[in-house]
């Protein structure tokens, strides 16, 4: 169940981050309120996930998957571009999260 809660936390983060962008510096009310609500949901499920999964693993997966999927949504929704150094950095984040998950505490 911990990984289900972690997935919900990641979804909340993705929604919150994109609504934060849409809020235009908290100048669009509906997007601002939505971003805060989504982050609230995100942190709630993140805390629940930490009951059964090691905190370093939870945080690495949450941050890594969140960063990578945010970059993908950045390209798809906001039409922003990615360059080679950014892609390399994203790959390193993924590799780090995988290594931590496979060989980190508790393994």
PDB file of N, CA and C in Angstrom:
ATOM      1  N   UNK A   1       0.812  -1.207   0.000  1.00  0.00           N
ATOM      2  CA  UNK A   1       0.000   0.000   0.000  1.00  0.00           C
ATOM      3  C   UNK A   1       0.849   1.263   0.000  1.00  0.00           C
ATOM      4  N   UNK A   2       2.060   1.166   0.556  1.00  0.00           N
ATOM      5  CA  UNK A   2       2.915   2.337   0.627  1.00  0.00           C
ATOM      6  C   UNK A   2       3.208   2.925  -0.742  1.00  0.00           C
ATOM      7  N   UNK A   3       3.424   2.054  -1.725  1.00  0.00           N
ATOM      8  CA  UNK A   3       3.735   2.545  -3.062  1.00  0.00           C
ATOM      9  C   UNK A   3       2.509   3.150  -3.749  1.00  0.00           C
ATOM     10  N   UNK A   4       1.329   2.696  -3.392  1.00  0.00           N
ATOM     11  CA  UNK A   4       0.110   3.327  -3.900  1.00  0.00           C
ATOM     12  C   UNK A   4       0.009   4.759  -3.364  1.00  0.00           C
ATOM     13  N   UNK A   5       0.263   4.931  -2.068  1.00  0.00           N
ATOM     14  CA  UNK A   5       0.234   6.270  -1.475  1.00  0.00           C
ATOM     15  C   UNK A   5       1.334   7.153  -2.061  1.00  0.00           C
ATOM     16  N   UNK A   6       2.487   6.566  -2.334  1.00  0.00           N
ATOM     17  CA  UNK A   6       3.574   7.324  -2.954  1.00  0.00           C
ATOM     18  C   UNK A   6       3.164   7.778  -4.355  1.00  0.00           C
ATOM     19  N   UNK A   7       2.500   6.925  -5.094  1.00  0.00           N
ATOM     20  CA  UNK A   7       2.017   7.289  -6.437  1.00  0.00           C
ATOM     21  C   UNK A   7       1.016   8.432  -6.356  1.00  0.00           C
ATOM     22  N   UNK A   8       0.120   8.372  -5.384  1.00  0.00           N
ATOM     23  CA  UNK A   8      -0.848   9.464  -5.204  1.00  0.00           C
ATOM     24  C   UNK A   8      -0.148  10.768  -4.818  1.00  0.00           C
ATOM     25  N   UNK A   9       0.910  10.662  -4.012  1.00  0.00           N
ATOM     26  CA  UNK A   9       1.681  11.856  -3.648  1.00  0.00           C
ATOM     27  C   UNK A   9       2.353  12.458  -4.875  1.00  0.00           C
ATOM     28  N   UNK A  10       2.883  11.611  -5.738  1.00  0.00           N
ATOM     29  CA  UNK A  10       3.519  12.100  -6.962  1.00  0.00           C
ATOM     30  C   UNK A  10       2.491  12.778  -7.860  1.00  0.00           C
ATOM     31  N   UNK A  11       1.308  12.186  -7.976  1.00  0.00           N
ATOM     32  CA  UNK A  11       0.243  12.808  -8.776  1.00  0.00           C
ATOM     33  C   UNK A  11      -0.140  14.176  -8.207  1.00  0.00           C
ATOM     34  N   UNK A  12      -0.243  14.262  -6.891  1.00  0.00           N
ATOM     35  CA  UNK A  12      -0.543  15.543  -6.256  1.00  0.00           C
ATOM     36  C   UNK A  12       0.532  16.578  -6.532  1.00  0.00           C
ATOM     37  N   UNK A  13       1.786  16.132  -6.501  1.00  0.00           N
ATOM     38  CA  UNK A  13       2.886  17.047  -6.785  1.00  0.00           C
ATOM     39  C   UNK A  13       2.823  17.552  -8.224  1.00  0.00           C
ATOM     40  N   UNK A  14       2.565  16.656  -9.157  1.00  0.00           N
ATOM     41  CA  UNK A  14       2.495  17.050 -10.565  1.00  0.00           C
ATOM     42  C   UNK A  14       1.362  18.037 -10.814  1.00  0.00           C
ATOM     43  N   UNK A  15       0.208  17.760 -10.239  1.00  0.00           N
ATOM     44  CA  UNK A  15      -0.927  18.672 -10.389  1.00  0.00           C
ATOM     45  C   UNK A  15      -0.611  20.013  -9.737  1.00  0.00           C
ATOM     46  N   UNK A  16      -0.067  19.963  -8.519  1.00  0.00           N
ATOM     47  CA  UNK A  16       0.254  21.196  -7.810  1.00  0.00           C
ATOM     48  C   UNK A  16       1.281  22.048  -8.536  1.00  0.00           C
ATOM     49  N   UNK A  17       2.303  21.408  -9.068  1.00  0.00           N
ATOM     50  CA  UNK A  17       3.358  22.155  -9.765  1.00  0.00           C
ATOM     51  C   UNK A  17       2.828  22.806 -11.026  1.00  0.00           C
ATOM     52  N   UNK A  18       2.005  22.077 -11.772  1.00  0.00           N
ATOM     53  CA  UNK A  18       1.456  22.666 -12.995  1.00  0.00           C
ATOM     54  C   UNK A  18       0.440  23.757 -12.689  1.00  0.00           C
ATOM     55  N   UNK A  19      -0.330  23.590 -11.633  1.00  0.00           N
ATOM     56  CA  UNK A  19      -1.240  24.665 -11.231  1.00  0.00           C
ATOM     57  C   UNK A  19      -0.464  25.873 -10.712  1.00  0.00           C
ATOM     58  N   UNK A  20       0.678  25.618 -10.078  1.00  0.00           N
ATOM     59  CA  UNK A  20       1.523  26.720  -9.618  1.00  0.00           C
ATOM     60  C   UNK A  20       2.007  27.550 -10.809  1.00  0.00           C
ATOM     61  N   UNK A  21       2.381  26.872 -11.884  1.00  0.00           N
ATOM     62  CA  UNK A  21       2.780  27.565 -13.112  1.00  0.00           C
ATOM     63  C   UNK A  21       1.585  28.344 -13.677  1.00  0.00           C
ATOM     64  N   UNK A  22       0.421  27.701 -13.678  1.00  0.00           N
ATOM     65  CA  UNK A  22      -0.783  28.352 -14.213  1.00  0.00           C
ATOM     66  C   UNK A  22      -1.234  29.530 -13.351  1.00  0.00           C
ATOM     67  N   UNK A  23      -0.844  29.536 -12.077  1.00  0.00           N
ATOM     68  CA  UNK A  23      -1.266  30.615 -11.181  1.00  0.00           C
ATOM     69  C   UNK A  23      -0.587  31.941 -11.500  1.00  0.00           C
ATOM     70  N   UNK A  24       0.478  31.884 -12.307  1.00  0.00           N
ATOM     71  CA  UNK A  24       1.182  33.103 -12.721  1.00  0.00           C
ATOM     72  C   UNK A  24       1.584  33.954 -11.513  1.00  0.00           C
ATOM     73  N   UNK A  25       2.338  33.317 -10.615  1.00  0.00           N
ATOM     74  CA  UNK A  25       2.794  34.033  -9.420  1.00  0.00           C
ATOM     75  C   UNK A  25       1.677  34.307  -8.439  1.00  0.00           C
ATOM     76  N   UNK A  26       0.748  33.376  -8.295  1.00  0.00           N
ATOM     77  CA  UNK A  26      -0.413  33.490  -7.417  1.00  0.00           C
ATOM     78  C   UNK A  26      -1.342  34.640  -7.808  1.00  0.00           C
ATOM     79  N   UNK A  27      -1.345  35.000  -9.086  1.00  0.00           N
ATOM     80  CA  UNK A  27      -2.243  36.071  -9.527  1.00  0.00           C
ATOM     81  C   UNK A  27      -3.545  35.527 -10.127  1.00  0.00           C
ATOM     82  N   UNK A  28      -3.637  34.216 -10.346  1.00  0.00           N
ATOM     83  CA  UNK A  28      -4.871  33.586 -10.827  1.00  0.00           C
ATOM     84  C   UNK A  28      -5.425  32.770  -9.663  1.00  0.00           C
ATOM     85  N   UNK A  29      -6.567  33.210  -9.146  1.00  0.00           N
ATOM     86  CA  UNK A  29      -7.102  32.652  -7.902  1.00  0.00           C
ATOM     87  C   UNK A  29      -7.348  31.148  -7.976  1.00  0.00           C
ATOM     88  N   UNK A  30      -8.088  30.665  -8.981  1.00  0.00           N
ATOM     89  CA  UNK A  30      -8.445  29.242  -9.042  1.00  0.00           C
ATOM     90  C   UNK A  30      -7.211  28.369  -9.131  1.00  0.00           C
ATOM     91  N   UNK A  31      -6.215  28.786  -9.890  1.00  0.00           N
ATOM     92  CA  UNK A  31      -4.989  27.995 -10.007  1.00  0.00           C
ATOM     93  C   UNK A  31      -4.185  28.039  -8.707  1.00  0.00           C
ATOM     94  N   UNK A  32      -4.186  29.158  -8.035  1.00  0.00           N
ATOM     95  CA  UNK A  32      -3.466  29.290  -6.766  1.00  0.00           C
ATOM     96  C   UNK A  32      -4.067  28.389  -5.696  1.00  0.00           C
ATOM     97  N   UNK A  33      -5.379  28.427  -5.564  1.00  0.00           N
ATOM     98  CA  UNK A  33      -6.070  27.592  -4.582  1.00  0.00           C
ATOM     99  C   UNK A  33      -5.890  26.111  -4.934  1.00  0.00           C
ATOM    100  N   UNK A  34      -5.990  25.790  -6.214  1.00  0.00           N
ATOM    101  CA  UNK A  34      -5.796  24.414  -6.655  1.00  0.00           C
ATOM    102  C   UNK A  34      -4.402  23.905  -6.373  1.00  0.00           C
ATOM    103  N   UNK A  35      -3.397  24.757  -6.586  1.00  0.00           N
ATOM    104  CA  UNK A  35      -2.015  24.365  -6.316  1.00  0.00           C
ATOM    105  C   UNK A  35      -1.814  24.065  -4.836  1.00  0.00           C
ATOM    106  N   UNK A  36      -2.323  24.927  -3.980  1.00  0.00           N
ATOM    107  CA  UNK A  36      -2.183  24.705  -2.537  1.00  0.00           C
ATOM    108  C   UNK A  36      -2.907  23.436  -2.095  1.00  0.00           C
ATOM    109  N   UNK A  37      -4.092  23.200  -2.646  1.00  0.00           N
ATOM    110  CA  UNK A  37      -4.850  21.992  -2.303  1.00  0.00           C
ATOM    111  C   UNK A  37      -4.121  20.745  -2.791  1.00  0.00           C
ATOM    112  N   UNK A  38      -3.589  20.794  -4.003  1.00  0.00           N
ATOM    113  CA  UNK A  38      -2.877  19.633  -4.550  1.00  0.00           C
ATOM    114  C   UNK A  38      -1.621  19.332  -3.742  1.00  0.00           C
ATOM    115  N   UNK A  39      -0.904  20.359  -3.326  1.00  0.00           N
ATOM    116  CA  UNK A  39       0.274  20.129  -2.482  1.00  0.00           C
ATOM    117  C   UNK A  39      -0.129  19.575  -1.114  1.00  0.00           C
ATOM    118  N   UNK A  40      -1.272  20.009  -0.590  1.00  0.00           N
ATOM    119  CA  UNK A  40      -1.768  19.437   0.663  1.00  0.00           C
ATOM    120  C   UNK A  40      -2.035  17.951   0.527  1.00  0.00           C
ATOM    121  N   UNK A  41      -2.689  17.567  -0.560  1.00  0.00           N
ATOM    122  CA  UNK A  41      -2.944  16.149  -0.838  1.00  0.00           C
ATOM    123  C   UNK A  41      -1.621  15.407  -1.012  1.00  0.00           C
ATOM    124  N   UNK A  42      -0.718  16.017  -1.739  1.00  0.00           N
ATOM    125  CA  UNK A  42       0.596  15.421  -1.978  1.00  0.00           C
ATOM    126  C   UNK A  42       1.311  15.102  -0.672  1.00  0.00           C
ATOM    127  N   UNK A  43       1.406  16.063   0.217  1.00  0.00           N
ATOM    128  CA  UNK A  43       2.130  15.852   1.460  1.00  0.00           C
ATOM    129  C   UNK A  43       1.405  14.893   2.403  1.00  0.00           C
ATOM    130  N   UNK A  44       0.093  14.871   2.332  1.00  0.00           N
ATOM    131  CA  UNK A  44      -0.655  13.907   3.134  1.00  0.00           C
ATOM    132  C   UNK A  44      -0.283  12.483   2.716  1.00  0.00           C
ATOM    133  N   UNK A  45      -0.369  12.201   1.420  1.00  0.00           N
ATOM    134  CA  UNK A  45      -0.060  10.857   0.949  1.00  0.00           C
ATOM    135  C   UNK A  45       1.426  10.530   1.096  1.00  0.00           C
ATOM    136  N   UNK A  46       2.283  11.537   0.989  1.00  0.00           N
ATOM    137  CA  UNK A  46       3.712  11.308   1.205  1.00  0.00           C
ATOM    138  C   UNK A  46       3.960  10.862   2.643  1.00  0.00           C
ATOM    139  N   UNK A  47       3.306  11.495   3.585  1.00  0.00           N
ATOM    140  CA  UNK A  47       3.452  11.119   4.994  1.00  0.00           C
ATOM    141  C   UNK A  47       2.933   9.711   5.249  1.00  0.00           C
ATOM    142  N   UNK A  48       1.814   9.355   4.619  1.00  0.00           N
ATOM    143  CA  UNK A  48       1.263   8.011   4.785  1.00  0.00           C
ATOM    144  C   UNK A  48       2.221   6.973   4.187  1.00  0.00           C
ATOM    145  N   UNK A  49       2.806   7.283   3.040  1.00  0.00           N
ATOM    146  CA  UNK A  49       3.753   6.354   2.408  1.00  0.00           C
ATOM    147  C   UNK A  49       4.961   6.103   3.298  1.00  0.00           C
ATOM    148  N   UNK A  50       5.367   7.116   4.042  1.00  0.00           N
ATOM    149  CA  UNK A  50       6.547   6.983   4.904  1.00  0.00           C
ATOM    150  C   UNK A  50       6.305   6.078   6.107  1.00  0.00           C
ATOM    151  N   UNK A  51       5.064   5.693   6.347  1.00  0.00           N
ATOM    152  CA  UNK A  51       4.788   4.753   7.426  1.00  0.00           C
ATOM    153  C   UNK A  51       5.346   3.364   7.108  1.00  0.00           C
ATOM    154  N   UNK A  52       5.364   3.007   5.824  1.00  0.00           N
ATOM    155  CA  UNK A  52       5.754   1.648   5.453  1.00  0.00           C
ATOM    156  C   UNK A  52       6.989   1.564   4.557  1.00  0.00           C
ATOM    157  N   UNK A  53       7.434   2.692   4.021  1.00  0.00           N
ATOM    158  CA  UNK A  53       8.608   2.700   3.145  1.00  0.00           C
ATOM    159  C   UNK A  53       9.656   3.614   3.773  1.00  0.00           C
ATOM    160  N   UNK A  54      10.913   3.197   3.698  1.00  0.00           N
ATOM    161  CA  UNK A  54      12.023   3.976   4.238  1.00  0.00           C
ATOM    162  C   UNK A  54      12.000   5.390   3.662  1.00  0.00           C
ATOM    163  N   UNK A  55      12.242   6.374   4.514  1.00  0.00           N
ATOM    164  CA  UNK A  55      12.141   7.780   4.112  1.00  0.00           C
ATOM    165  C   UNK A  55      13.088   8.133   2.962  1.00  0.00           C
ATOM    166  N   UNK A  56      14.292   7.589   2.957  1.00  0.00           N
ATOM    167  CA  UNK A  56      15.223   7.921   1.876  1.00  0.00           C
ATOM    168  C   UNK A  56      14.734   7.367   0.544  1.00  0.00           C
ATOM    169  N   UNK A  57      14.124   6.200   0.562  1.00  0.00           N
ATOM    170  CA  UNK A  57      13.578   5.616  -0.659  1.00  0.00           C
ATOM    171  C   UNK A  57      12.354   6.413  -1.114  1.00  0.00           C
ATOM    172  N   UNK A  58      11.458   6.720  -0.193  1.00  0.00           N
ATOM    173  CA  UNK A  58      10.270   7.502  -0.532  1.00  0.00           C
ATOM    174  C   UNK A  58      10.670   8.840  -1.140  1.00  0.00           C
ATOM    175  N   UNK A  59      11.577   9.520  -0.497  1.00  0.00           N
ATOM    176  CA  UNK A  59      11.940  10.853  -0.960  1.00  0.00           C
ATOM    177  C   UNK A  59      12.652  10.801  -2.305  1.00  0.00           C
ATOM    178  N   UNK A  60      13.537   9.815  -2.486  1.00  0.00           N
ATOM    179  CA  UNK A  60      14.248   9.699  -3.760  1.00  0.00           C
ATOM    180  C   UNK A  60      13.279   9.418  -4.903  1.00  0.00           C
ATOM    181  N   UNK A  61      12.347   8.506  -4.685  1.00  0.00           N
ATOM    182  CA  UNK A  61      11.386   8.187  -5.743  1.00  0.00           C
ATOM    183  C   UNK A  61      10.456   9.365  -5.987  1.00  0.00           C
ATOM    184  N   UNK A  62       9.943   9.965  -4.917  1.00  0.00           N
ATOM    185  CA  UNK A  62       9.025  11.098  -5.051  1.00  0.00           C
ATOM    186  C   UNK A  62       9.692  12.251  -5.813  1.00  0.00           C
ATOM    187  N   UNK A  63      10.886  12.600  -5.387  1.00  0.00           N
ATOM    188  CA  UNK A  63      11.580  13.714  -6.025  1.00  0.00           C
ATOM    189  C   UNK A  63      11.996  13.367  -7.452  1.00  0.00           C
ATOM    190  N   UNK A  64      12.579  12.184  -7.631  1.00  0.00           N
ATOM    191  CA  UNK A  64      13.073  11.797  -8.952  1.00  0.00           C
ATOM    192  C   UNK A  64      11.966  11.670  -9.978  1.00  0.00           C
ATOM    193  N   UNK A  65      10.935  10.921  -9.644  1.00  0.00           N
ATOM    194  CA  UNK A  65       9.814  10.744 -10.579  1.00  0.00           C
ATOM    195  C   UNK A  65       9.108  12.078 -10.797  1.00  0.00           C
ATOM    196  N   UNK A  66       8.957  12.850  -9.726  1.00  0.00           N
ATOM    197  CA  UNK A  66       8.320  14.156  -9.851  1.00  0.00           C
ATOM    198  C   UNK A  66       9.078  15.083 -10.784  1.00  0.00           C
ATOM    199  N   UNK A  67      10.399  15.099 -10.667  1.00  0.00           N
ATOM    200  CA  UNK A  67      11.213  15.972 -11.524  1.00  0.00           C
ATOM    201  C   UNK A  67      11.131  15.530 -12.980  1.00  0.00           C
ATOM    202  N   UNK A  68      11.257  14.240 -13.207  1.00  0.00           N
ATOM    203  CA  UNK A  68      11.230  13.742 -14.584  1.00  0.00           C
ATOM    204  C   UNK A  68       9.859  13.972 -15.225  1.00  0.00           C
ATOM    205  N   UNK A  69       8.794  13.613 -14.523  1.00  0.00           N
ATOM    206  CA  UNK A  69       7.459  13.809 -15.100  1.00  0.00           C
ATOM    207  C   UNK A  69       7.100  15.287 -15.238  1.00  0.00           C
ATOM    208  N   UNK A  70       7.598  16.119 -14.337  1.00  0.00           N
ATOM    209  CA  UNK A  70       7.383  17.555 -14.471  1.00  0.00           C
ATOM    210  C   UNK A  70       8.070  18.076 -15.728  1.00  0.00           C
ATOM    211  N   UNK A  71       9.267  17.579 -16.008  1.00  0.00           N
ATOM    212  CA  UNK A  71       9.972  17.989 -17.228  1.00  0.00           C
ATOM    213  C   UNK A  71       9.199  17.559 -18.472  1.00  0.00           C
ATOM    214  N   UNK A  72       8.649  16.346 -18.450  1.00  0.00           N
ATOM    215  CA  UNK A  72       7.859  15.870 -19.585  1.00  0.00           C
ATOM    216  C   UNK A  72       6.613  16.738 -19.760  1.00  0.00           C
ATOM    217  N   UNK A  73       5.905  17.002 -18.664  1.00  0.00           N
ATOM    218  CA  UNK A  73       4.713  17.840 -18.751  1.00  0.00           C
ATOM    219  C   UNK A  73       5.047  19.271 -19.157  1.00  0.00           C
ATOM    220  N   UNK A  74       6.232  19.724 -18.769  1.00  0.00           N
ATOM    221  CA  UNK A  74       6.707  21.045 -19.174  1.00  0.00           C
ATOM    222  C   UNK A  74       6.748  21.159 -20.693  1.00  0.00           C
ATOM    223  N   UNK A  75       7.228  20.117 -21.342  1.00  0.00           N
ATOM    224  CA  UNK A  75       7.320  20.106 -22.800  1.00  0.00           C
ATOM    225  C   UNK A  75       5.928  19.984 -23.419  1.00  0.00           C
ATOM    226  N   UNK A  76       5.111  19.076 -22.880  1.00  0.00           N
ATOM    227  CA  UNK A  76       3.801  18.790 -23.467  1.00  0.00           C
ATOM    228  C   UNK A  76       2.805  19.931 -23.234  1.00  0.00           C
ATOM    229  N   UNK A  77       2.694  20.384 -21.990  1.00  0.00           N
ATOM    230  CA  UNK A  77       1.666  21.375 -21.649  1.00  0.00           C
ATOM    231  C   UNK A  77       2.135  22.808 -21.896  1.00  0.00           C
ATOM    232  N   UNK A  78       3.327  23.118 -21.437  1.00  0.00           N
ATOM    233  CA  UNK A  78       3.791  24.507 -21.460  1.00  0.00           C
ATOM    234  C   UNK A  78       4.676  24.836 -22.659  1.00  0.00           C
ATOM    235  N   UNK A  79       4.915  23.836 -23.507  1.00  0.00           N
ATOM    236  CA  UNK A  79       5.696  24.021 -24.741  1.00  0.00           C
ATOM    237  C   UNK A  79       7.105  24.551 -24.492  1.00  0.00           C
ATOM    238  N   UNK A  80       7.685  24.162 -23.364  1.00  0.00           N
ATOM    239  CA  UNK A  80       9.062  24.539 -23.079  1.00  0.00           C
ATOM    240  C   UNK A  80       9.983  23.463 -23.624  1.00  0.00           C
ATOM    241  N   UNK A  81      11.212  23.828 -23.926  1.00  0.00           N
ATOM    242  CA  UNK A  81      12.128  22.865 -24.544  1.00  0.00           C
ATOM    243  C   UNK A  81      13.134  22.335 -23.523  1.00  0.00           C
ATOM    244  N   UNK A  82      13.692  21.164 -23.847  1.00  0.00           N
ATOM    245  CA  UNK A  82      14.746  20.560 -23.029  1.00  0.00           C
ATOM    246  C   UNK A  82      16.013  20.517 -23.858  1.00  0.00           C
ATOM    247  N   UNK A  83      17.148  20.749 -23.199  1.00  0.00           N
ATOM    248  CA  UNK A  83      18.418  20.652 -23.906  1.00  0.00           C
ATOM    249  C   UNK A  83      19.183  19.411 -23.429  1.00  0.00           C
ATOM    250  N   UNK A  84      20.308  19.154 -24.044  1.00  0.00           N
ATOM    251  CA  UNK A  84      21.092  17.951 -23.732  1.00  0.00           C
ATOM    252  C   UNK A  84      21.544  17.927 -22.268  1.00  0.00           C
ATOM    253  N   UNK A  85      22.089  18.998 -21.712  1.00  0.00           N
ATOM    254  CA  UNK A  85      22.479  18.943 -20.298  1.00  0.00           C
ATOM    255  C   UNK A  85      21.299  18.654 -19.362  1.00  0.00           C
ATOM    256  N   UNK A  86      20.133  19.190 -19.681  1.00  0.00           N
ATOM    257  CA  UNK A  86      18.948  18.922 -18.868  1.00  0.00           C
ATOM    258  C   UNK A  86      18.570  17.449 -18.938  1.00  0.00           C
ATOM    259  N   UNK A  87      18.585  16.882 -20.132  1.00  0.00           N
ATOM    260  CA  UNK A  87      18.274  15.465 -20.290  1.00  0.00           C
ATOM    261  C   UNK A  87      19.284  14.592 -19.550  1.00  0.00           C
ATOM    262  N   UNK A  88      20.565  14.966 -19.620  1.00  0.00           N
ATOM    263  CA  UNK A  88      21.605  14.223 -18.894  1.00  0.00           C
ATOM    264  C   UNK A  88      21.354  14.290 -17.390  1.00  0.00           C
ATOM    265  N   UNK A  89      21.020  15.456 -16.894  1.00  0.00           N
ATOM    266  CA  UNK A  89      20.722  15.612 -15.477  1.00  0.00           C
ATOM    267  C   UNK A  89      19.523  14.788 -15.051  1.00  0.00           C
ATOM    268  N   UNK A  90      18.496  14.757 -15.879  1.00  0.00           N
ATOM    269  CA  UNK A  90      17.311  13.946 -15.576  1.00  0.00           C
ATOM    270  C   UNK A  90      17.664  12.462 -15.532  1.00  0.00           C
ATOM    271  N   UNK A  91      18.509  12.016 -16.453  1.00  0.00           N
ATOM    272  CA  UNK A  91      18.934  10.610 -16.446  1.00  0.00           C
ATOM    273  C   UNK A  91      19.716  10.283 -15.179  1.00  0.00           C
ATOM    274  N   UNK A  92      20.567  11.196 -14.732  1.00  0.00           N
ATOM    275  CA  UNK A  92      21.324  10.965 -13.505  1.00  0.00           C
ATOM    276  C   UNK A  92      20.411  10.887 -12.287  1.00  0.00           C
ATOM    277  N   UNK A  93      19.369  11.690 -12.278  1.00  0.00           N
ATOM    278  CA  UNK A  93      18.400  11.637 -11.178  1.00  0.00           C
ATOM    279  C   UNK A  93      17.721  10.271 -11.144  1.00  0.00           C
ATOM    280  N   UNK A  94      17.308   9.792 -12.303  1.00  0.00           N
ATOM    281  CA  UNK A  94      16.654   8.486 -12.381  1.00  0.00           C
ATOM    282  C   UNK A  94      17.607   7.383 -11.931  1.00  0.00           C
ATOM    283  N   UNK A  95      18.836   7.414 -12.400  1.00  0.00           N
ATOM    284  CA  UNK A  95      19.826   6.400 -12.008  1.00  0.00           C
ATOM    285  C   UNK A  95      20.048   6.444 -10.500  1.00  0.00           C
ATOM    286  N   UNK A  96      20.156   7.616  -9.934  1.00  0.00           N
ATOM    287  CA  UNK A  96      20.339   7.748  -8.488  1.00  0.00           C
ATOM    288  C   UNK A  96      19.170   7.186  -7.699  1.00  0.00           C
ATOM    289  N   UNK A  97      17.963   7.455  -8.146  1.00  0.00           N
ATOM    290  CA  UNK A  97      16.780   6.936  -7.456  1.00  0.00           C
ATOM    291  C   UNK A  97      16.718   5.415  -7.548  1.00  0.00           C
ATOM    292  N   UNK A  98      17.072   4.867  -8.697  1.00  0.00           N
ATOM    293  CA  UNK A  98      17.073   3.409  -8.862  1.00  0.00           C
ATOM    294  C   UNK A  98      18.117   2.765  -7.967  1.00  0.00           C
ATOM    295  N   UNK A  99      19.317   3.335  -7.937  1.00  0.00           N
ATOM    296  CA  UNK A  99      20.382   2.783  -7.087  1.00  0.00           C
ATOM    297  C   UNK A  99      19.977   2.834  -5.621  1.00  0.00           C
ATOM    298  N   UNK A 100      19.431   3.945  -5.200  1.00  0.00           N
ATOM    299  CA  UNK A 100      18.999   4.067  -3.807  1.00  0.00           C
ATOM    300  C   UNK A 100      17.903   3.064  -3.475  1.00  0.00           C
ATOM    301  N   UNK A 101      16.982   2.872  -4.406  1.00  0.00           N
ATOM    302  CA  UNK A 101      15.886   1.927  -4.178  1.00  0.00           C
ATOM    303  C   UNK A 101      16.399   0.484  -4.135  1.00  0.00           C
ATOM    304  N   UNK A 102      17.366   0.158  -4.967  1.00  0.00           N
ATOM    305  CA  UNK A 102      17.886  -1.210  -5.016  1.00  0.00           C
ATOM    306  C   UNK A 102      18.886  -1.528  -3.909  1.00  0.00           C
ATOM    307  N   UNK A 103      19.727  -0.565  -3.571  1.00  0.00           N
ATOM    308  CA  UNK A 103      20.834  -0.843  -2.655  1.00  0.00           C
ATOM    309  C   UNK A 103      20.853   0.023  -1.401  1.00  0.00           C
ATOM    310  N   UNK A 104      19.837   0.846  -1.218  1.00  0.00           N
ATOM    311  CA  UNK A 104      19.805   1.757  -0.077  1.00  0.00           C
ATOM    312  C   UNK A 104      19.475   1.059   1.219  1.00  0.00           C
ATOM    313  N   UNK A 105      19.161   1.820   2.235  1.00  0.00           N
ATOM    314  CA  UNK A 105      18.836   1.260   3.554  1.00  0.00           C
ATOM    315  C   UNK A 105      17.724   0.213   3.467  1.00  0.00           C
ATOM    316  N   UNK A 106      17.886  -0.844   4.204  1.00  0.00           N
ATOM    317  CA  UNK A 106      16.878  -1.882   4.245  1.00  0.00           C
ATOM    318  C   UNK A 106      17.077  -2.985   3.229  1.00  0.00           C
ATOM    319  N   UNK A 107      18.157  -2.906   2.450  1.00  0.00           N
ATOM    320  CA  UNK A 107      18.405  -3.952   1.440  1.00  0.00           C
ATOM    321  C   UNK A 107      19.650  -4.739   1.798  1.00  0.00           C
TER     322      UNK A 107
END
